[in-house]
Structures are given as structure tokens and as C-alpha cells.
């Protein structure tokens, strides 16, 4: 089942189709939609996962790096959000 993701990239709100069959997560999807290569980011994330125990560190790193790239408010779009 395809879902929709909404995000803000460089102060412009965008919406896109999302499917777990195509993307690992919504961050991968929005980066691909904007043509951003995540190779180095994913390598750093893998190193953090091996050296850190808590998930909070990975989530914080991902949020900070995507904000640095120009993204914000990355989330799934709910059905009730679409009707507005």
C-alpha cells in the first residue's frame, strides 16, 4: 500500500508517494526525491550503530543531519490531513 510523505525542503513544503517496497524509510525517500546522495551519511550511521547502545543517538544524528541538508517536518501524511 502506497502512503504519502510530507516534508519541507529549503522552506518549500512538498508531498510524495512512499512505499516500503521501494525505500527503507521516509528519510531515504525524501533524500532521493531531492537528488541527495546518502552514501556517506549511511556509512556514518552504520558506524554510530556499532559504537552506540541507545537508539536515541541514531535518531538525534539523523534529525540533525537532515536539518543541516535543508529538511524539516518529515512525516507521514494522515488521511485526515489530506482532506484539509
N, C-alpha and C. Protein backbone atom coordinates (compact mmCIF):
# COMPACT_ATOMS: atom_id res chain seq x y z
N UNK A 1 0.84 -1.18 0.00
CA UNK A 1 0.00 0.00 0.00
C UNK A 1 0.89 1.25 0.00
N UNK A 2 0.65 2.12 -0.93
CA UNK A 2 1.43 3.36 -1.02
C UNK A 2 0.91 4.37 0.00
N UNK A 3 1.82 5.08 0.60
CA UNK A 3 1.48 6.14 1.56
C UNK A 3 2.01 7.45 1.02
N UNK A 4 1.67 8.52 1.68
CA UNK A 4 2.19 9.82 1.30
C UNK A 4 3.05 10.36 2.43
N UNK A 5 4.12 11.03 2.05
CA UNK A 5 5.04 11.67 2.99
C UNK A 5 5.04 13.15 2.68
N UNK A 6 5.02 13.95 3.71
CA UNK A 6 5.13 15.40 3.54
C UNK A 6 6.40 15.86 4.23
N UNK A 7 7.03 16.87 3.67
CA UNK A 7 8.26 17.41 4.24
C UNK A 7 8.48 18.82 3.73
N UNK A 8 9.35 19.53 4.41
CA UNK A 8 9.75 20.86 3.97
C UNK A 8 11.21 20.78 3.58
N UNK A 9 11.51 21.22 2.37
CA UNK A 9 12.90 21.24 1.88
C UNK A 9 13.21 22.65 1.43
N UNK A 10 14.17 23.26 2.09
CA UNK A 10 14.58 24.63 1.82
C UNK A 10 13.37 25.56 1.79
N UNK A 11 12.57 25.48 2.86
CA UNK A 11 11.41 26.34 3.11
C UNK A 11 10.26 26.14 2.12
N UNK A 12 10.24 25.02 1.42
CA UNK A 12 9.16 24.73 0.48
C UNK A 12 8.54 23.38 0.84
N UNK A 13 7.22 23.37 1.15
CA UNK A 13 6.53 22.13 1.51
C UNK A 13 6.31 21.28 0.27
N UNK A 14 6.58 19.98 0.42
CA UNK A 14 6.41 19.03 -0.68
C UNK A 14 5.74 17.77 -0.18
N UNK A 15 5.08 17.05 -1.07
CA UNK A 15 4.42 15.79 -0.76
C UNK A 15 4.82 14.78 -1.82
N UNK A 16 5.02 13.52 -1.39
CA UNK A 16 5.40 12.47 -2.34
C UNK A 16 4.80 11.14 -1.94
N UNK A 17 4.74 10.22 -2.89
CA UNK A 17 4.29 8.86 -2.63
C UNK A 17 5.43 8.10 -1.97
N UNK A 18 5.08 7.19 -1.06
CA UNK A 18 6.08 6.40 -0.36
C UNK A 18 5.62 4.96 -0.27
N UNK A 19 6.57 4.03 -0.48
CA UNK A 19 6.28 2.62 -0.33
C UNK A 19 7.51 1.94 0.28
N UNK A 20 7.27 1.07 1.27
CA UNK A 20 8.39 0.33 1.87
C UNK A 20 9.01 -0.64 0.88
N UNK A 21 8.33 -0.96 -0.19
CA UNK A 21 8.89 -1.82 -1.22
C UNK A 21 9.99 -1.13 -2.01
N UNK A 22 9.98 0.20 -2.00
CA UNK A 22 10.96 0.98 -2.75
C UNK A 22 12.02 1.58 -1.84
N UNK A 23 11.60 2.08 -0.68
CA UNK A 23 12.52 2.77 0.24
C UNK A 23 12.57 2.09 1.60
N UNK A 24 13.71 2.20 2.24
CA UNK A 24 13.91 1.64 3.58
C UNK A 24 13.14 2.45 4.62
N UNK A 25 13.16 3.78 4.50
CA UNK A 25 12.44 4.66 5.42
C UNK A 25 12.13 5.99 4.74
N UNK A 26 11.40 6.85 5.45
CA UNK A 26 10.98 8.10 4.83
C UNK A 26 12.14 9.06 4.59
N UNK A 27 13.19 8.95 5.37
CA UNK A 27 14.35 9.81 5.16
C UNK A 27 15.04 9.49 3.84
N UNK A 28 15.17 8.20 3.56
CA UNK A 28 15.75 7.77 2.29
C UNK A 28 14.90 8.27 1.12
N UNK A 29 13.59 8.21 1.28
CA UNK A 29 12.67 8.61 0.22
C UNK A 29 12.78 10.11 -0.09
N UNK A 30 12.79 10.95 0.94
CA UNK A 30 12.84 12.39 0.69
C UNK A 30 14.20 12.80 0.13
N UNK A 31 15.26 12.16 0.57
CA UNK A 31 16.58 12.46 0.03
C UNK A 31 16.64 12.08 -1.45
N UNK A 32 16.08 10.93 -1.81
CA UNK A 32 16.05 10.51 -3.21
C UNK A 32 15.21 11.48 -4.05
N UNK A 33 14.09 11.93 -3.50
CA UNK A 33 13.22 12.87 -4.23
C UNK A 33 13.95 14.18 -4.53
N UNK A 34 14.87 14.57 -3.67
CA UNK A 34 15.62 15.82 -3.87
C UNK A 34 16.99 15.58 -4.51
N UNK A 35 17.29 14.35 -4.87
CA UNK A 35 18.55 14.04 -5.56
C UNK A 35 19.78 14.09 -4.67
N UNK A 36 19.62 13.81 -3.39
CA UNK A 36 20.74 13.85 -2.45
C UNK A 36 21.30 12.44 -2.26
N UNK A 37 22.61 12.31 -2.41
CA UNK A 37 23.30 11.03 -2.24
C UNK A 37 23.57 10.81 -0.74
N UNK A 38 23.06 9.71 -0.21
CA UNK A 38 23.20 9.41 1.22
C UNK A 38 24.31 8.42 1.53
N UNK A 39 25.18 8.12 0.61
CA UNK A 39 26.21 7.10 0.81
C UNK A 39 27.05 7.39 2.05
N UNK A 40 27.61 8.57 2.16
CA UNK A 40 28.45 8.91 3.31
C UNK A 40 27.64 8.97 4.60
N UNK A 41 26.44 9.51 4.52
CA UNK A 41 25.58 9.58 5.69
C UNK A 41 25.27 8.18 6.22
N UNK A 42 24.95 7.24 5.34
CA UNK A 42 24.61 5.88 5.77
C UNK A 42 25.82 5.16 6.36
N UNK A 43 27.00 5.44 5.83
CA UNK A 43 28.23 4.86 6.40
C UNK A 43 28.46 5.37 7.82
N UNK A 44 28.29 6.66 8.03
CA UNK A 44 28.45 7.24 9.36
C UNK A 44 27.40 6.68 10.32
N UNK A 45 26.18 6.53 9.84
CA UNK A 45 25.12 5.98 10.67
C UNK A 45 25.43 4.53 11.08
N UNK A 46 25.99 3.78 10.16
CA UNK A 46 26.37 2.39 10.45
C UNK A 46 27.46 2.35 11.53
N UNK A 47 28.43 3.25 11.44
CA UNK A 47 29.48 3.31 12.46
C UNK A 47 28.92 3.71 13.82
N UNK A 48 27.99 4.66 13.83
CA UNK A 48 27.35 5.05 15.09
C UNK A 48 26.58 3.89 15.69
N UNK A 49 25.87 3.13 14.87
CA UNK A 49 25.08 2.00 15.35
C UNK A 49 25.98 0.95 16.01
N UNK A 50 27.18 0.76 15.46
CA UNK A 50 28.09 -0.23 16.02
C UNK A 50 28.71 0.24 17.34
N UNK A 51 28.86 1.55 17.51
CA UNK A 51 29.55 2.04 18.69
C UNK A 51 28.62 2.57 19.79
N UNK A 52 27.35 2.76 19.49
CA UNK A 52 26.41 3.32 20.47
C UNK A 52 25.36 2.28 20.86
N UNK A 53 24.92 2.36 22.08
CA UNK A 53 23.94 1.39 22.57
C UNK A 53 22.50 1.84 22.37
N UNK A 54 22.21 3.10 22.55
CA UNK A 54 20.83 3.57 22.50
C UNK A 54 20.39 4.03 21.13
N UNK A 55 19.11 3.88 20.84
CA UNK A 55 18.54 4.35 19.59
C UNK A 55 18.44 5.87 19.54
N UNK A 56 18.39 6.51 20.69
CA UNK A 56 18.26 7.95 20.74
C UNK A 56 19.39 8.68 20.04
N UNK A 57 20.57 8.14 20.12
CA UNK A 57 21.73 8.77 19.48
C UNK A 57 21.57 8.73 17.96
N UNK A 58 21.13 7.61 17.42
CA UNK A 58 20.93 7.50 15.98
C UNK A 58 19.82 8.42 15.50
N UNK A 59 18.73 8.47 16.23
CA UNK A 59 17.62 9.35 15.84
C UNK A 59 18.04 10.80 15.88
N UNK A 60 18.77 11.19 16.91
CA UNK A 60 19.25 12.56 17.03
C UNK A 60 20.22 12.91 15.89
N UNK A 61 21.13 11.99 15.58
CA UNK A 61 22.07 12.21 14.48
C UNK A 61 21.33 12.39 13.16
N UNK A 62 20.37 11.51 12.89
CA UNK A 62 19.61 11.57 11.64
C UNK A 62 18.84 12.90 11.54
N UNK A 63 18.17 13.27 12.62
CA UNK A 63 17.40 14.52 12.62
C UNK A 63 18.32 15.72 12.38
N UNK A 64 19.44 15.78 13.06
CA UNK A 64 20.37 16.90 12.91
C UNK A 64 20.97 16.97 11.51
N UNK A 65 21.35 15.84 10.95
CA UNK A 65 21.95 15.83 9.62
C UNK A 65 20.95 16.23 8.54
N UNK A 66 19.71 15.75 8.67
CA UNK A 66 18.71 16.13 7.68
C UNK A 66 18.33 17.60 7.80
N UNK A 67 18.34 18.15 9.00
CA UNK A 67 18.12 19.59 9.16
C UNK A 67 19.26 20.36 8.51
N UNK A 68 20.49 19.86 8.66
CA UNK A 68 21.64 20.51 8.03
C UNK A 68 21.53 20.49 6.51
N UNK A 69 20.94 19.42 5.96
CA UNK A 69 20.76 19.31 4.50
C UNK A 69 19.63 20.20 3.99
N UNK A 70 18.81 20.74 4.90
CA UNK A 70 17.72 21.62 4.48
C UNK A 70 16.33 21.06 4.65
N UNK A 71 16.20 19.88 5.29
CA UNK A 71 14.90 19.24 5.50
C UNK A 71 14.34 19.58 6.88
N UNK A 72 13.01 19.60 6.95
CA UNK A 72 12.33 19.70 8.25
C UNK A 72 10.93 19.12 8.11
N UNK A 73 10.30 18.86 9.22
CA UNK A 73 8.92 18.38 9.27
C UNK A 73 8.68 17.15 8.37
N UNK A 74 9.57 16.18 8.42
CA UNK A 74 9.42 14.95 7.63
C UNK A 74 8.47 14.02 8.37
N UNK A 75 7.34 13.69 7.74
CA UNK A 75 6.37 12.82 8.41
C UNK A 75 5.40 12.22 7.40
N UNK A 76 4.74 11.13 7.83
CA UNK A 76 3.70 10.54 7.01
C UNK A 76 2.48 11.46 7.02
N UNK A 77 1.80 11.53 5.90
CA UNK A 77 0.60 12.33 5.78
C UNK A 77 -0.60 11.46 6.13
N UNK A 78 -1.37 11.88 7.11
CA UNK A 78 -2.54 11.13 7.54
C UNK A 78 -3.70 11.42 6.60
N UNK A 79 -4.67 10.51 6.57
CA UNK A 79 -5.84 10.71 5.72
C UNK A 79 -6.59 11.98 6.08
N UNK A 80 -6.71 12.27 7.37
CA UNK A 80 -7.44 13.47 7.77
C UNK A 80 -6.68 14.75 7.41
N UNK A 81 -5.33 14.67 7.30
CA UNK A 81 -4.52 15.82 6.87
C UNK A 81 -4.76 16.13 5.41
N UNK A 82 -4.98 15.10 4.60
CA UNK A 82 -5.19 15.29 3.17
C UNK A 82 -6.49 16.02 2.87
N UNK A 83 -7.51 15.82 3.69
CA UNK A 83 -8.81 16.41 3.41
C UNK A 83 -8.86 17.90 3.69
N UNK A 84 -7.84 18.45 4.34
CA UNK A 84 -7.81 19.88 4.67
C UNK A 84 -7.42 20.72 3.48
